[in-house]
Structures are given as structure tokens and as C-alpha cells.
Amino acid sequence: MNRERMWELKQAATPGVLDLYIYGDVESDGYDWWNDEVIRSETSANAFRDTLAQHPNVSQINVYINSSGGSVFEGTAIYTQLKRHPAHKTVYIDGFACSIASVIAMAGQEVIMPRNTMMMIHNMWRFAEGNAEQLRKAADDLDVINAAGRQAYLEKAGDKLDETRLTAMMDAETWLTAQQCIDLGLADRFADQDADLSNATQLLQKANLHMEQRVNIQKSLAAQLRQLTTSPAPPQEPETPPVNSVMALFGNFGKEFD
């Protein structure tokens, strides 16, 4: 098995067993507006569904995770597909299961973590724009999405974790050691050996970058609001319509992240 691929689902050496490697961001399909065609992501829920359908009779799925997260909607759909599948699911955390990748991990009847691996849980977030009503709806939608995400953790944890404590942990964007995950019911046992984390620096930098981007976005929006309140009003009919600077920077308003 080539573990350098970001995403791989293939028949294992043992009949009836599938090995799924999630070694990168979980991303949705894109669209090329210039060529009018869908760009398929190998880590989308659609790709997972299509590949899983090619193996209808498997009885065991091993999921190996080392991911900083990605799309909330795609990851939630993958989690749901795994939960619905009749095979027994065993999840191995090979490094880090951050954000939505930790939700996918909750689909395992057994979650195994080397002692030097970690999970990170937090509230989902998204870019949004629009009028006040649209922004309020975006916030309401996130409340629903967060509530659904909490249920994945709570179902796995059983009586070891209640929703009040979980909510506080997600609000605080919490990193959890393997020992803490076992204590909270989010993992079941330690692996026999520590994970090889020699290439973990890049993944951690990416996870931290996601956090920094959220802070920078908030600062950018605040700066624009201050400018709007202090700058003179623009001409009524400008020759060139102004471009929303935040959209120009990020180009994906309305896209969800975890």
C-alpha cells in the first residue's frame, strides 16, 4: 500500500477487507466555468461513494487518517456513508485527525491511536456575505451544522462525554492527546507502536494556517467596516464597479470549512 497518496480506497490482501487512507484535505468537487465542466476531487463524498460501490460485499473497512480537515459537508457525508455501511469499521489515527477528519473517525466501531497522535475538535465555520437577514441565516445554519457534528462525537463517546462539556471544548478549539481521546470515549485503545511523525510539521502548519486565516479574515472585515464609517461616500455612478476586496482575496464566500 502506498501511504504517500492523499486518498486511497482499495482491496486489501485479505478478502472482504478494504483499506481507506485519508492522507490530506477533504475537498468537494469543483467547477471549471471557462470550460463548463466539473472538476472531480479524489477526496469528495462523491468519489468515496463511487469507489465504495465497487466493493459491495466487504465485511471490514480499515480507515487510516492523517488529515488537517477540509469541507464540512463532504466530511459529514463520508462519515454518514461509513456509518451506514454494514461492514465493521476500524479507524487508525496515523498522525492527526483535525476538524472534520475527527468527525470521520467517529464512524469507527473501534478507533485506535498511537500514544503520540492527536485529534483537534472545533466549531465549523464558513465565509459569508450578504444583507443582515442572509448573515443571520448563515449563523443559524452553522448552529444546526455544529449540533449535527456534536452528535457524531457524543454517539461515539457514550456516557464518557456530555454535550455541555463537548460544546465548551469545541468553542475553545481543543487539541486532544490519544490519552485524552480514550478518556473521553473518542478513541478505544492505544496502538502497539507510536506513529511515525517525521513528516508531521507540514500538516500542523496547515492546521494552524486555517486558524490564522480565520483571524485575518475577521481583522480584514473589521478594517473595511471602519473604512466605510470614516471614508467619504463614493460617487453615485462610478465608471468601474468596485470589487469586494474580501471576495477578491478569497474567492469562495459561502464555502464551508472545518
C-alpha atoms as a PDB file:
ATOM      1  CA  MET A   1       0.000   0.000   0.000  1.00  0.00           C
ATOM      2  CA  ASN A   2       1.372   3.397  -1.000  1.00  0.00           C
ATOM      3  CA  ARG A   3       0.772   5.614   2.013  1.00  0.00           C
ATOM      4  CA  GLU A   4       2.027   8.777   0.296  1.00  0.00           C
ATOM      5  CA  ARG A   5      -1.222   9.227  -1.597  1.00  0.00           C
ATOM      6  CA  MET A   6      -3.647  11.660  -0.021  1.00  0.00           C
ATOM      7  CA  TRP A   7      -6.602   9.407  -0.615  1.00  0.00           C
ATOM      8  CA  GLU A   8      -6.826   5.744  -1.465  1.00  0.00           C
ATOM      9  CA  LEU A   9      -9.513   3.100  -1.145  1.00  0.00           C
ATOM     10  CA  LYS A  10      -8.573  -0.341  -2.388  1.00  0.00           C
ATOM     11  CA  GLN A  11      -8.989  -4.015  -1.767  1.00  0.00           C
ATOM     12  CA  ALA A  12      -6.717  -5.258   0.987  1.00  0.00           C
ATOM     13  CA  ALA A  13      -4.742  -8.502   0.815  1.00  0.00           C
ATOM     14  CA  THR A  14      -7.394 -10.214   2.928  1.00  0.00           C
ATOM     15  CA  PRO A  15     -10.615 -10.980   1.022  1.00  0.00           C
ATOM     16  CA  GLY A  16     -13.557  -8.859   2.096  1.00  0.00           C
ATOM     17  CA  VAL A  17     -11.374  -6.123   3.601  1.00  0.00           C
ATOM     18  CA  LEU A  18     -10.986  -2.545   2.314  1.00  0.00           C
ATOM     19  CA  ASP A  19      -8.261  -0.102   3.347  1.00  0.00           C
ATOM     20  CA  LEU A  20      -9.148   3.598   3.150  1.00  0.00           C
ATOM     21  CA  TYR A  21      -6.361   6.151   3.556  1.00  0.00           C
ATOM     22  CA  ILE A  22      -7.321   9.778   4.202  1.00  0.00           C
ATOM     23  CA  TYR A  23      -3.960  11.494   3.989  1.00  0.00           C
ATOM     24  CA  GLY A  24      -4.899  15.043   3.073  1.00  0.00           C
ATOM     25  CA  ASP A  25      -7.679  17.608   2.941  1.00  0.00           C
ATOM     26  CA  VAL A  26     -11.253  16.510   2.361  1.00  0.00           C
ATOM     27  CA  GLU A  27     -12.381  18.621  -0.581  1.00  0.00           C
ATOM     28  CA  SER A  28     -15.560  18.943  -2.634  1.00  0.00           C
ATOM     29  CA  ASP A  29     -15.838  18.704  -6.406  1.00  0.00           C
ATOM     30  CA  GLY A  30     -15.130  21.969  -8.210  1.00  0.00           C
ATOM     31  CA  TYR A  31     -16.343  23.539 -11.420  1.00  0.00           C
ATOM     32  CA  ASP A  32     -14.395  24.994 -14.329  1.00  0.00           C
ATOM     33  CA  TRP A  33     -16.558  27.887 -15.552  1.00  0.00           C
ATOM     34  CA  TRP A  34     -14.297  28.540 -18.523  1.00  0.00           C
ATOM     35  CA  ASN A  35     -14.645  25.007 -19.897  1.00  0.00           C
ATOM     36  CA  ASP A  36     -18.089  24.266 -18.422  1.00  0.00           C
ATOM     37  CA  GLU A  37     -17.055  21.050 -16.729  1.00  0.00           C
ATOM     38  CA  VAL A  38     -16.998  19.513 -13.261  1.00  0.00           C
ATOM     39  CA  ILE A  39     -13.596  19.010 -11.649  1.00  0.00           C
ATOM     40  CA  ARG A  40     -13.762  15.815  -9.630  1.00  0.00           C
ATOM     41  CA  SER A  41     -11.972  15.787  -6.294  1.00  0.00           C
ATOM     42  CA  GLU A  42     -10.484  12.486  -5.236  1.00  0.00           C
ATOM     43  CA  THR A  43     -11.386  13.329  -1.625  1.00  0.00           C
ATOM     44  CA  SER A  44     -15.041  14.228  -2.195  1.00  0.00           C
ATOM     45  CA  ALA A  45     -18.048  12.343  -0.862  1.00  0.00           C
ATOM     46  CA  ASN A  46     -18.993  11.557  -4.468  1.00  0.00           C
ATOM     47  CA  ALA A  47     -15.626   9.933  -5.137  1.00  0.00           C
ATOM     48  CA  PHE A  48     -15.885   7.960  -1.909  1.00  0.00           C
ATOM     49  CA  ARG A  49     -19.405   6.794  -2.761  1.00  0.00           C
ATOM     50  CA  ASP A  50     -18.449   5.697  -6.274  1.00  0.00           C
ATOM     51  CA  THR A  51     -15.380   3.795  -5.109  1.00  0.00           C
ATOM     52  CA  LEU A  52     -17.174   2.154  -2.205  1.00  0.00           C
ATOM     53  CA  ALA A  53     -19.910   0.982  -4.588  1.00  0.00           C
ATOM     54  CA  GLN A  54     -17.296  -1.041  -6.464  1.00  0.00           C
ATOM     55  CA  HIS A  55     -16.857  -3.239  -3.369  1.00  0.00           C
ATOM     56  CA  PRO A  56     -20.400  -4.181  -2.295  1.00  0.00           C
ATOM     57  CA  ASN A  57     -19.517  -7.288  -0.308  1.00  0.00           C
ATOM     58  CA  VAL A  58     -16.778  -6.115   2.042  1.00  0.00           C
ATOM     59  CA  SER A  59     -17.151  -7.027   5.705  1.00  0.00           C
ATOM     60  CA  GLN A  60     -14.292  -4.953   7.142  1.00  0.00           C
ATOM     61  CA  ILE A  61     -13.176  -1.380   6.356  1.00  0.00           C
ATOM     62  CA  ASN A  62      -9.926  -0.088   7.842  1.00  0.00           C
ATOM     63  CA  VAL A  63      -9.699   3.713   7.813  1.00  0.00           C
ATOM     64  CA  TYR A  64      -6.272   5.339   8.219  1.00  0.00           C
ATOM     65  CA  ILE A  65      -6.382   9.084   8.938  1.00  0.00           C
ATOM     66  CA  ASN A  66      -3.740  11.800   8.868  1.00  0.00           C
ATOM     67  CA  SER A  67      -5.602  14.937   7.852  1.00  0.00           C
ATOM     68  CA  SER A  68      -5.991  18.579   8.831  1.00  0.00           C
ATOM     69  CA  GLY A  69      -9.686  18.509   7.859  1.00  0.00           C
ATOM     70  CA  GLY A  70     -11.470  20.195   4.988  1.00  0.00           C
ATOM     71  CA  SER A  71     -15.052  20.565   3.790  1.00  0.00           C
ATOM     72  CA  VAL A  72     -17.694  20.118   6.466  1.00  0.00           C
ATOM     73  CA  PHE A  73     -20.335  18.943   4.014  1.00  0.00           C
ATOM     74  CA  GLU A  74     -18.052  16.456   2.259  1.00  0.00           C
ATOM     75  CA  GLY A  75     -16.664  15.062   5.511  1.00  0.00           C
ATOM     76  CA  THR A  76     -20.102  14.741   7.068  1.00  0.00           C
ATOM     77  CA  ALA A  77     -21.342  12.836   4.015  1.00  0.00           C
ATOM     78  CA  ILE A  78     -18.343  10.486   4.184  1.00  0.00           C
ATOM     79  CA  TYR A  79     -18.977   9.917   7.888  1.00  0.00           C
ATOM     80  CA  THR A  80     -22.630   9.111   7.148  1.00  0.00           C
ATOM     81  CA  GLN A  81     -21.726   6.690   4.361  1.00  0.00           C
ATOM     82  CA  LEU A  82     -19.308   4.863   6.641  1.00  0.00           C
ATOM     83  CA  LYS A  83     -21.829   4.693   9.476  1.00  0.00           C
ATOM     84  CA  ARG A  84     -24.490   3.326   7.128  1.00  0.00           C
ATOM     85  CA  HIS A  85     -22.244   0.676   5.603  1.00  0.00           C
ATOM     86  CA  PRO A  86     -22.818  -2.766   7.163  1.00  0.00           C
ATOM     87  CA  ALA A  87     -19.101  -3.592   7.345  1.00  0.00           C
ATOM     88  CA  HIS A  88     -17.205  -3.371  10.617  1.00  0.00           C
ATOM     89  CA  LYS A  89     -15.132  -0.163  10.637  1.00  0.00           C
ATOM     90  CA  THR A  90     -11.778   0.177  12.407  1.00  0.00           C
ATOM     91  CA  VAL A  91     -10.162   3.631  12.397  1.00  0.00           C
ATOM     92  CA  TYR A  92      -6.427   4.155  12.851  1.00  0.00           C
ATOM     93  CA  ILE A  93      -5.160   7.677  13.569  1.00  0.00           C
ATOM     94  CA  ASP A  94      -1.797   7.676  11.831  1.00  0.00           C
ATOM     95  CA  GLY A  95      -0.855  11.192  12.888  1.00  0.00           C
ATOM     96  CA  PHE A  96      -3.520  13.850  13.307  1.00  0.00           C
ATOM     97  CA  ALA A  97      -7.289  13.849  12.863  1.00  0.00           C
ATOM     98  CA  CYS A  98      -8.214  17.522  12.825  1.00  0.00           C
ATOM     99  CA  SER A  99     -11.584  19.188  12.372  1.00  0.00           C
ATOM    100  CA  ILE A 100     -13.878  17.256  10.033  1.00  0.00           C
ATOM    101  CA  ALA A 101     -11.326  14.428   9.834  1.00  0.00           C
ATOM    102  CA  SER A 102     -12.012  13.768  13.515  1.00  0.00           C
ATOM    103  CA  VAL A 103     -15.724  13.523  12.722  1.00  0.00           C
ATOM    104  CA  ILE A 104     -14.995  10.913  10.047  1.00  0.00           C
ATOM    105  CA  ALA A 105     -13.018   8.997  12.679  1.00  0.00           C
ATOM    106  CA  MET A 106     -16.152   8.728  14.822  1.00  0.00           C
ATOM    107  CA  ALA A 107     -17.639   6.315  12.256  1.00  0.00           C
ATOM    108  CA  GLY A 108     -15.372   3.563  13.554  1.00  0.00           C
ATOM    109  CA  GLN A 109     -16.670   0.924  15.898  1.00  0.00           C
ATOM    110  CA  GLU A 110     -13.073   0.885  17.093  1.00  0.00           C
ATOM    111  CA  VAL A 111     -10.721   3.874  16.992  1.00  0.00           C
ATOM    112  CA  ILE A 112      -7.043   3.097  17.587  1.00  0.00           C
ATOM    113  CA  MET A 113      -4.481   5.818  18.328  1.00  0.00           C
ATOM    114  CA  PRO A 114      -0.729   5.598  18.829  1.00  0.00           C
ATOM    115  CA  ARG A 115       0.231   7.411  22.012  1.00  0.00           C
ATOM    116  CA  ASN A 116       1.911  10.269  20.128  1.00  0.00           C
ATOM    117  CA  THR A 117      -1.068  11.133  17.866  1.00  0.00           C
ATOM    118  CA  MET A 118      -3.753  13.789  18.394  1.00  0.00           C
ATOM    119  CA  MET A 119      -7.215  14.982  17.453  1.00  0.00           C
ATOM    120  CA  MET A 120      -8.426  18.554  17.175  1.00  0.00           C
ATOM    121  CA  ILE A 121     -12.089  19.490  17.526  1.00  0.00           C
ATOM    122  CA  HIS A 122     -13.715  22.873  16.989  1.00  0.00           C
ATOM    123  CA  ASN A 123     -16.823  24.582  15.693  1.00  0.00           C
ATOM    124  CA  MET A 124     -17.430  24.611  11.969  1.00  0.00           C
ATOM    125  CA  TRP A 125     -17.008  27.949  10.219  1.00  0.00           C
ATOM    126  CA  ARG A 126     -17.624  29.489   6.830  1.00  0.00           C
ATOM    127  CA  PHE A 127     -17.219  32.655   4.800  1.00  0.00           C
ATOM    128  CA  ALA A 128     -20.447  34.590   4.274  1.00  0.00           C
ATOM    129  CA  GLU A 129     -21.639  37.790   2.663  1.00  0.00           C
ATOM    130  CA  GLY A 130     -24.978  39.448   2.102  1.00  0.00           C
ATOM    131  CA  ASN A 131     -27.527  41.548   3.902  1.00  0.00           C
ATOM    132  CA  ALA A 132     -28.347  41.276   7.589  1.00  0.00           C
ATOM    133  CA  GLU A 133     -31.006  38.614   7.032  1.00  0.00           C
ATOM    134  CA  GLN A 134     -28.663  36.471   4.968  1.00  0.00           C
ATOM    135  CA  LEU A 135     -25.894  36.749   7.556  1.00  0.00           C
ATOM    136  CA  ARG A 136     -28.284  35.810  10.347  1.00  0.00           C
ATOM    137  CA  LYS A 137     -29.346  32.758   8.324  1.00  0.00           C
ATOM    138  CA  ALA A 138     -25.703  31.790   7.800  1.00  0.00           C
ATOM    139  CA  ALA A 139     -25.185  31.898  11.576  1.00  0.00           C
ATOM    140  CA  ASP A 140     -28.351  29.861  12.159  1.00  0.00           C
ATOM    141  CA  ASP A 141     -27.206  27.308   9.589  1.00  0.00           C
ATOM    142  CA  LEU A 142     -23.869  26.969  11.368  1.00  0.00           C
ATOM    143  CA  ASP A 143     -25.677  26.327  14.655  1.00  0.00           C
ATOM    144  CA  VAL A 144     -27.511  23.412  13.022  1.00  0.00           C
ATOM    145  CA  ILE A 145     -24.324  22.079  11.414  1.00  0.00           C
ATOM    146  CA  ASN A 146     -22.450  22.299  14.721  1.00  0.00           C
ATOM    147  CA  ALA A 147     -25.261  20.491  16.541  1.00  0.00           C
ATOM    148  CA  ALA A 148     -25.118  17.668  13.990  1.00  0.00           C
ATOM    149  CA  GLY A 149     -21.353  17.440  14.327  1.00  0.00           C
ATOM    150  CA  ARG A 150     -21.593  17.197  18.095  1.00  0.00           C
ATOM    151  CA  GLN A 151     -23.866  14.183  17.781  1.00  0.00           C
ATOM    152  CA  ALA A 152     -21.143  12.234  15.970  1.00  0.00           C
ATOM    153  CA  TYR A 153     -18.769  12.744  18.913  1.00  0.00           C
ATOM    154  CA  LEU A 154     -21.448  12.097  21.529  1.00  0.00           C
ATOM    155  CA  GLU A 155     -22.627   8.882  19.889  1.00  0.00           C
ATOM    156  CA  LYS A 156     -19.080   7.547  19.923  1.00  0.00           C
ATOM    157  CA  ALA A 157     -18.281   8.772  23.437  1.00  0.00           C
ATOM    158  CA  GLY A 158     -21.386   7.379  25.125  1.00  0.00           C
ATOM    159  CA  ASP A 159     -21.592   8.309  28.795  1.00  0.00           C
ATOM    160  CA  LYS A 160     -17.953   9.470  28.946  1.00  0.00           C
ATOM    161  CA  LEU A 161     -18.742  12.902  27.485  1.00  0.00           C
ATOM    162  CA  ASP A 162     -21.780  15.159  27.825  1.00  0.00           C
ATOM    163  CA  GLU A 163     -22.877  17.850  25.375  1.00  0.00           C
ATOM    164  CA  THR A 164     -22.165  20.771  27.707  1.00  0.00           C
ATOM    165  CA  ARG A 165     -18.515  19.813  28.091  1.00  0.00           C
ATOM    166  CA  LEU A 166     -18.190  18.960  24.407  1.00  0.00           C
ATOM    167  CA  THR A 167     -19.642  22.328  23.378  1.00  0.00           C
ATOM    168  CA  ALA A 168     -17.134  24.150  25.588  1.00  0.00           C
ATOM    169  CA  MET A 169     -14.275  22.131  24.105  1.00  0.00           C
ATOM    170  CA  MET A 170     -15.376  22.892  20.544  1.00  0.00           C
ATOM    171  CA  ASP A 171     -15.800  26.579  21.375  1.00  0.00           C
ATOM    172  CA  ALA A 172     -12.226  26.583  22.663  1.00  0.00           C
ATOM    173  CA  GLU A 173     -10.811  24.753  19.600  1.00  0.00           C
ATOM    174  CA  THR A 174      -9.279  21.931  21.589  1.00  0.00           C
ATOM    175  CA  TRP A 175      -6.338  19.652  20.820  1.00  0.00           C
ATOM    176  CA  LEU A 176      -6.623  16.212  22.417  1.00  0.00           C
ATOM    177  CA  THR A 177      -3.895  13.680  23.082  1.00  0.00           C
ATOM    178  CA  ALA A 178      -4.502   9.996  22.488  1.00  0.00           C
ATOM    179  CA  GLN A 179      -4.885   9.501  26.235  1.00  0.00           C
ATOM    180  CA  GLN A 180      -7.491  12.254  26.441  1.00  0.00           C
ATOM    181  CA  CYS A 181      -9.381  10.806  23.475  1.00  0.00           C
ATOM    182  CA  ILE A 182      -9.544   7.419  25.206  1.00  0.00           C
ATOM    183  CA  ASP A 183     -10.614   9.030  28.494  1.00  0.00           C
ATOM    184  CA  LEU A 184     -13.409  10.906  26.662  1.00  0.00           C
ATOM    185  CA  GLY A 185     -14.559   7.882  24.676  1.00  0.00           C
ATOM    186  CA  LEU A 186     -13.474   9.331  21.323  1.00  0.00           C
ATOM    187  CA  ALA A 187     -10.937   6.522  20.914  1.00  0.00           C
ATOM    188  CA  ASP A 188     -10.893   2.976  22.235  1.00  0.00           C
ATOM    189  CA  ARG A 189      -7.296   1.905  22.720  1.00  0.00           C
ATOM    190  CA  PHE A 190      -3.664   2.682  22.054  1.00  0.00           C
ATOM    191  CA  ALA A 191      -1.844   1.223  19.068  1.00  0.00           C
ATOM    192  CA  ASP A 192       1.020  -1.137  19.798  1.00  0.00           C
ATOM    193  CA  GLN A 193       3.596   1.321  18.429  1.00  0.00           C
ATOM    194  CA  ASP A 194       3.986   5.089  18.157  1.00  0.00           C
ATOM    195  CA  ALA A 195       3.237   6.709  14.820  1.00  0.00           C
ATOM    196  CA  ASP A 196       5.979   7.965  12.520  1.00  0.00           C
ATOM    197  CA  LEU A 197       5.528  11.746  12.728  1.00  0.00           C
ATOM    198  CA  SER A 198       8.688  12.700  10.854  1.00  0.00           C
ATOM    199  CA  ASN A 199       6.547  14.454   8.217  1.00  0.00           C
ATOM    200  CA  ALA A 200       4.020  15.935  10.627  1.00  0.00           C
ATOM    201  CA  THR A 201       5.336  19.510  10.596  1.00  0.00           C
ATOM    202  CA  GLN A 202       3.639  20.431   7.327  1.00  0.00           C
ATOM    203  CA  LEU A 203       0.280  19.100   8.475  1.00  0.00           C
ATOM    204  CA  LEU A 204       0.447  21.037  11.738  1.00  0.00           C
ATOM    205  CA  GLN A 205       1.405  24.198   9.873  1.00  0.00           C
ATOM    206  CA  LYS A 206      -1.619  23.764   7.623  1.00  0.00           C
ATOM    207  CA  ALA A 207      -3.952  23.274  10.593  1.00  0.00           C
ATOM    208  CA  ASN A 208      -2.545  26.387  12.261  1.00  0.00           C
ATOM    209  CA  LEU A 209      -2.807  28.290   8.970  1.00  0.00           C
ATOM    210  CA  HIS A 210      -6.539  27.583   8.868  1.00  0.00           C
ATOM    211  CA  MET A 211      -6.866  29.208  12.290  1.00  0.00           C
ATOM    212  CA  GLU A 212      -4.728  32.193  11.285  1.00  0.00           C
ATOM    213  CA  GLN A 213      -6.817  32.699   8.145  1.00  0.00           C
ATOM    214  CA  ARG A 214      -9.981  32.985  10.211  1.00  0.00           C
ATOM    215  CA  VAL A 215      -8.368  35.622  12.428  1.00  0.00           C
ATOM    216  CA  ASN A 216      -7.070  37.539   9.405  1.00  0.00           C
ATOM    217  CA  ILE A 217     -10.487  37.460   7.745  1.00  0.00           C
ATOM    218  CA  GLN A 218     -12.104  38.910  10.853  1.00  0.00           C
ATOM    219  CA  LYS A 219      -9.452  41.651  11.000  1.00  0.00           C
ATOM    220  CA  SER A 220      -9.964  42.424   7.309  1.00  0.00           C
ATOM    221  CA  LEU A 221     -13.717  42.713   7.696  1.00  0.00           C
ATOM    222  CA  ALA A 222     -13.331  44.946  10.751  1.00  0.00           C
ATOM    223  CA  ALA A 223     -10.923  47.208   8.855  1.00  0.00           C
ATOM    224  CA  GLN A 224     -13.353  47.518   5.959  1.00  0.00           C
ATOM    225  CA  LEU A 225     -16.188  48.412   8.306  1.00  0.00           C
ATOM    226  CA  ARG A 226     -14.050  51.120   9.908  1.00  0.00           C
ATOM    227  CA  GLN A 227     -13.175  52.480   6.472  1.00  0.00           C
ATOM    228  CA  LEU A 228     -16.823  52.589   5.472  1.00  0.00           C
ATOM    229  CA  THR A 229     -17.673  54.681   8.520  1.00  0.00           C
ATOM    230  CA  THR A 230     -14.787  57.130   8.047  1.00  0.00           C
ATOM    231  CA  SER A 231     -14.389  57.434   4.257  1.00  0.00           C
ATOM    232  CA  PRO A 232     -16.421  59.876   2.146  1.00  0.00           C
ATOM    233  CA  ALA A 233     -19.292  58.415   0.168  1.00  0.00           C
ATOM    234  CA  PRO A 234     -18.307  57.097  -3.290  1.00  0.00           C
ATOM    235  CA  PRO A 235     -19.751  58.630  -6.488  1.00  0.00           C
ATOM    236  CA  GLN A 236     -23.280  57.566  -7.300  1.00  0.00           C
ATOM    237  CA  GLU A 237     -22.328  56.066 -10.657  1.00  0.00           C
ATOM    238  CA  PRO A 238     -18.670  55.050 -10.727  1.00  0.00           C
ATOM    239  CA  GLU A 239     -17.208  54.209 -14.101  1.00  0.00           C
ATOM    240  CA  THR A 240     -15.926  50.850 -12.840  1.00  0.00           C
ATOM    241  CA  PRO A 241     -17.944  48.978 -10.182  1.00  0.00           C
ATOM    242  CA  PRO A 242     -15.847  48.414  -7.060  1.00  0.00           C
ATOM    243  CA  VAL A 243     -14.747  44.860  -6.376  1.00  0.00           C
ATOM    244  CA  ASN A 244     -15.419  43.415  -2.956  1.00  0.00           C
ATOM    245  CA  SER A 245     -11.903  43.210  -1.607  1.00  0.00           C
ATOM    246  CA  VAL A 246     -12.510  40.236   0.638  1.00  0.00           C
ATOM    247  CA  MET A 247     -14.076  38.264  -2.218  1.00  0.00           C
ATOM    248  CA  ALA A 248     -11.129  39.192  -4.391  1.00  0.00           C
ATOM    249  CA  LEU A 249      -8.756  37.887  -1.760  1.00  0.00           C
ATOM    250  CA  PHE A 250     -10.503  34.619  -1.019  1.00  0.00           C
ATOM    251  CA  GLY A 251     -12.850  33.973  -3.925  1.00  0.00           C
ATOM    252  CA  ASN A 252     -15.005  31.465  -2.056  1.00  0.00           C
ATOM    253  CA  PHE A 253     -17.620  33.202   0.030  1.00  0.00           C
ATOM    254  CA  GLY A 254     -20.276  30.819   1.197  1.00  0.00           C
ATOM    255  CA  LYS A 255     -17.870  27.893   1.256  1.00  0.00           C
ATOM    256  CA  GLU A 256     -17.819  25.957   4.476  1.00  0.00           C
ATOM    257  CA  PHE A 257     -14.743  24.791   6.362  1.00  0.00           C
ATOM    258  CA  ASP A 258     -13.916  22.788   9.417  1.00  0.00           C
END
